[in-house]
């Protein structure tokens, strides 16, 4: 089994920054892709960004140029640096780990951006 623990969420004013972290433990077995999803009240869960084992990144159009995803494979940790935050970024952010045949989720961390 794999466990994912997120940290770094909180309340921030519009235009501010936050950095999320997610550390994996257990039987991770590389290679695996890690990513961040978010779910706002009344909306579907959507992908924010992902990063492959080799470091290839993908971003949702809504966060391009503002968010940066990175990872430290030795620490089994993925980060999401969020800058120029907007009220529309308010959501529960979930860490995700995918490898062949398996998908794992963290418990989520709340990000609230006030106007």
C-alpha atoms as a PDB file:
ATOM      1  CA  UNK A   1       0.000   0.000   0.000  1.00  0.00           C
ATOM      2  CA  UNK A   2       0.914   3.634  -0.516  1.00  0.00           C
ATOM      3  CA  UNK A   3       0.106   6.535   1.779  1.00  0.00           C
ATOM      4  CA  UNK A   4       0.169  10.179   0.702  1.00  0.00           C
ATOM      5  CA  UNK A   5       0.279  13.013   3.217  1.00  0.00           C
ATOM      6  CA  UNK A   6      -0.252  16.604   2.071  1.00  0.00           C
ATOM      7  CA  UNK A   7       0.649  19.795   3.873  1.00  0.00           C
ATOM      8  CA  UNK A   8       0.864  23.506   3.215  1.00  0.00           C
ATOM      9  CA  UNK A   9      -2.722  24.545   2.624  1.00  0.00           C
ATOM     10  CA  UNK A  10      -4.294  27.529   4.303  1.00  0.00           C
ATOM     11  CA  UNK A  11      -5.892  30.933   3.910  1.00  0.00           C
ATOM     12  CA  UNK A  12      -4.223  33.562   1.744  1.00  0.00           C
ATOM     13  CA  UNK A  13      -5.244  36.837   0.154  1.00  0.00           C
ATOM     14  CA  UNK A  14      -5.606  37.164  -3.602  1.00  0.00           C
ATOM     15  CA  UNK A  15      -2.220  37.694  -5.207  1.00  0.00           C
ATOM     16  CA  UNK A  16      -0.467  35.742  -2.490  1.00  0.00           C
ATOM     17  CA  UNK A  17       1.449  32.474  -2.585  1.00  0.00           C
ATOM     18  CA  UNK A  18       1.318  29.049  -1.002  1.00  0.00           C
ATOM     19  CA  UNK A  19       3.466  25.945  -1.325  1.00  0.00           C
ATOM     20  CA  UNK A  20       1.909  22.509  -1.027  1.00  0.00           C
ATOM     21  CA  UNK A  21       3.918  19.395  -0.264  1.00  0.00           C
ATOM     22  CA  UNK A  22       2.990  15.728  -0.509  1.00  0.00           C
ATOM     23  CA  UNK A  23       5.132  12.877   0.735  1.00  0.00           C
ATOM     24  CA  UNK A  24       4.582   9.257  -0.216  1.00  0.00           C
ATOM     25  CA  UNK A  25       5.319   6.290   2.006  1.00  0.00           C
ATOM     26  CA  UNK A  26       4.896   2.561   1.698  1.00  0.00           C
ATOM     27  CA  UNK A  27       5.359   0.421  -1.384  1.00  0.00           C
ATOM     28  CA  UNK A  28       5.684   3.124  -4.018  1.00  0.00           C
ATOM     29  CA  UNK A  29       7.783   1.151  -6.583  1.00  0.00           C
ATOM     30  CA  UNK A  30       9.166   3.550  -9.173  1.00  0.00           C
ATOM     31  CA  UNK A  31       8.547   4.773 -11.775  1.00  0.00           C
ATOM     32  CA  UNK A  32       5.403   6.674 -10.917  1.00  0.00           C
ATOM     33  CA  UNK A  33       3.764   9.951 -11.839  1.00  0.00           C
ATOM     34  CA  UNK A  34       2.672  12.378  -9.156  1.00  0.00           C
ATOM     35  CA  UNK A  35       0.195  15.164  -9.468  1.00  0.00           C
ATOM     36  CA  UNK A  36      -2.169  17.605  -7.853  1.00  0.00           C
ATOM     37  CA  UNK A  37      -5.919  17.745  -8.354  1.00  0.00           C
ATOM     38  CA  UNK A  38      -8.449  20.090  -6.815  1.00  0.00           C
ATOM     39  CA  UNK A  39     -12.139  20.093  -6.099  1.00  0.00           C
ATOM     40  CA  UNK A  40     -14.165  23.198  -5.386  1.00  0.00           C
ATOM     41  CA  UNK A  41     -17.608  22.997  -3.724  1.00  0.00           C
ATOM     42  CA  UNK A  42     -20.209  21.763  -6.173  1.00  0.00           C
ATOM     43  CA  UNK A  43     -17.653  21.057  -8.887  1.00  0.00           C
ATOM     44  CA  UNK A  44     -15.919  18.004 -10.306  1.00  0.00           C
ATOM     45  CA  UNK A  45     -12.394  17.135  -9.260  1.00  0.00           C
ATOM     46  CA  UNK A  46      -9.968  18.510 -11.854  1.00  0.00           C
ATOM     47  CA  UNK A  47      -6.297  18.072 -12.545  1.00  0.00           C
ATOM     48  CA  UNK A  48      -4.037  20.989 -11.688  1.00  0.00           C
ATOM     49  CA  UNK A  49      -0.598  19.681 -12.621  1.00  0.00           C
ATOM     50  CA  UNK A  50       1.361  16.464 -12.954  1.00  0.00           C
ATOM     51  CA  UNK A  51       5.007  15.459 -13.138  1.00  0.00           C
ATOM     52  CA  UNK A  52       6.446  12.229 -14.442  1.00  0.00           C
ATOM     53  CA  UNK A  53       9.274  10.233 -12.887  1.00  0.00           C
ATOM     54  CA  UNK A  54      11.677  11.884 -15.374  1.00  0.00           C
ATOM     55  CA  UNK A  55      10.381  15.363 -14.598  1.00  0.00           C
ATOM     56  CA  UNK A  56       8.075  16.038 -17.532  1.00  0.00           C
ATOM     57  CA  UNK A  57       5.317  18.408 -16.415  1.00  0.00           C
ATOM     58  CA  UNK A  58       1.780  19.198 -17.481  1.00  0.00           C
ATOM     59  CA  UNK A  59      -0.469  21.996 -16.268  1.00  0.00           C
ATOM     60  CA  UNK A  60      -4.114  22.938 -16.509  1.00  0.00           C
ATOM     61  CA  UNK A  61      -4.555  26.040 -18.648  1.00  0.00           C
ATOM     62  CA  UNK A  62      -6.036  27.893 -15.676  1.00  0.00           C
ATOM     63  CA  UNK A  63      -2.785  27.675 -13.677  1.00  0.00           C
ATOM     64  CA  UNK A  64      -0.117  27.936 -16.378  1.00  0.00           C
ATOM     65  CA  UNK A  65       2.392  30.642 -15.567  1.00  0.00           C
ATOM     66  CA  UNK A  66       1.259  30.836 -11.926  1.00  0.00           C
ATOM     67  CA  UNK A  67       1.814  27.334 -10.497  1.00  0.00           C
ATOM     68  CA  UNK A  68       4.959  25.202 -10.612  1.00  0.00           C
ATOM     69  CA  UNK A  69       5.094  21.498  -9.838  1.00  0.00           C
ATOM     70  CA  UNK A  70       8.332  19.809  -8.842  1.00  0.00           C
ATOM     71  CA  UNK A  71       9.438  16.595  -7.174  1.00  0.00           C
ATOM     72  CA  UNK A  72      12.284  15.096  -5.176  1.00  0.00           C
ATOM     73  CA  UNK A  73      12.415  11.393  -5.969  1.00  0.00           C
ATOM     74  CA  UNK A  74      14.835  10.634  -3.132  1.00  0.00           C
ATOM     75  CA  UNK A  75      12.355  12.122  -0.644  1.00  0.00           C
ATOM     76  CA  UNK A  76       9.323  10.726  -2.499  1.00  0.00           C
ATOM     77  CA  UNK A  77       7.850  14.198  -2.318  1.00  0.00           C
ATOM     78  CA  UNK A  78       6.013  16.397  -4.800  1.00  0.00           C
ATOM     79  CA  UNK A  79       5.568  20.133  -4.416  1.00  0.00           C
ATOM     80  CA  UNK A  80       3.168  22.680  -5.855  1.00  0.00           C
ATOM     81  CA  UNK A  81       4.291  26.291  -5.707  1.00  0.00           C
ATOM     82  CA  UNK A  82       1.234  28.486  -6.211  1.00  0.00           C
ATOM     83  CA  UNK A  83       1.764  32.168  -6.982  1.00  0.00           C
ATOM     84  CA  UNK A  84      -0.621  34.979  -7.928  1.00  0.00           C
ATOM     85  CA  UNK A  85      -3.454  33.094  -6.303  1.00  0.00           C
ATOM     86  CA  UNK A  86      -7.035  33.966  -7.232  1.00  0.00           C
ATOM     87  CA  UNK A  87     -10.310  33.380  -5.391  1.00  0.00           C
ATOM     88  CA  UNK A  88     -11.147  30.875  -8.139  1.00  0.00           C
ATOM     89  CA  UNK A  89      -8.232  28.728  -6.913  1.00  0.00           C
ATOM     90  CA  UNK A  90     -10.131  28.045  -3.688  1.00  0.00           C
ATOM     91  CA  UNK A  91     -10.595  24.279  -3.375  1.00  0.00           C
ATOM     92  CA  UNK A  92      -9.482  21.158  -1.596  1.00  0.00           C
ATOM     93  CA  UNK A  93      -6.207  20.103  -3.189  1.00  0.00           C
ATOM     94  CA  UNK A  94      -5.449  16.390  -3.469  1.00  0.00           C
ATOM     95  CA  UNK A  95      -2.114  14.723  -4.079  1.00  0.00           C
ATOM     96  CA  UNK A  96      -2.127  11.819  -6.513  1.00  0.00           C
ATOM     97  CA  UNK A  97       0.329   9.036  -7.290  1.00  0.00           C
ATOM     98  CA  UNK A  98      -0.091   6.851 -10.360  1.00  0.00           C
ATOM     99  CA  UNK A  99       1.876   3.830 -11.461  1.00  0.00           C
ATOM    100  CA  UNK A 100       0.954   1.003 -13.772  1.00  0.00           C
ATOM    101  CA  UNK A 101      -2.227  -0.541 -12.457  1.00  0.00           C
ATOM    102  CA  UNK A 102      -2.668   1.609  -9.345  1.00  0.00           C
ATOM    103  CA  UNK A 103      -3.782   5.080  -8.307  1.00  0.00           C
ATOM    104  CA  UNK A 104      -3.476   6.552  -4.822  1.00  0.00           C
ATOM    105  CA  UNK A 105      -4.876   9.727  -3.257  1.00  0.00           C
ATOM    106  CA  UNK A 106      -4.026  11.876  -0.299  1.00  0.00           C
ATOM    107  CA  UNK A 107      -6.615  13.089   2.175  1.00  0.00           C
ATOM    108  CA  UNK A 108      -6.670  16.614   0.749  1.00  0.00           C
ATOM    109  CA  UNK A 109      -5.661  20.020   2.027  1.00  0.00           C
ATOM    110  CA  UNK A 110      -7.845  23.120   1.949  1.00  0.00           C
ATOM    111  CA  UNK A 111      -6.682  26.196   0.057  1.00  0.00           C
ATOM    112  CA  UNK A 112      -8.790  29.322   0.496  1.00  0.00           C
ATOM    113  CA  UNK A 113      -8.045  32.541  -1.374  1.00  0.00           C
ATOM    114  CA  UNK A 114      -9.845  35.626  -0.142  1.00  0.00           C
ATOM    115  CA  UNK A 115     -10.595  38.608  -2.380  1.00  0.00           C
END
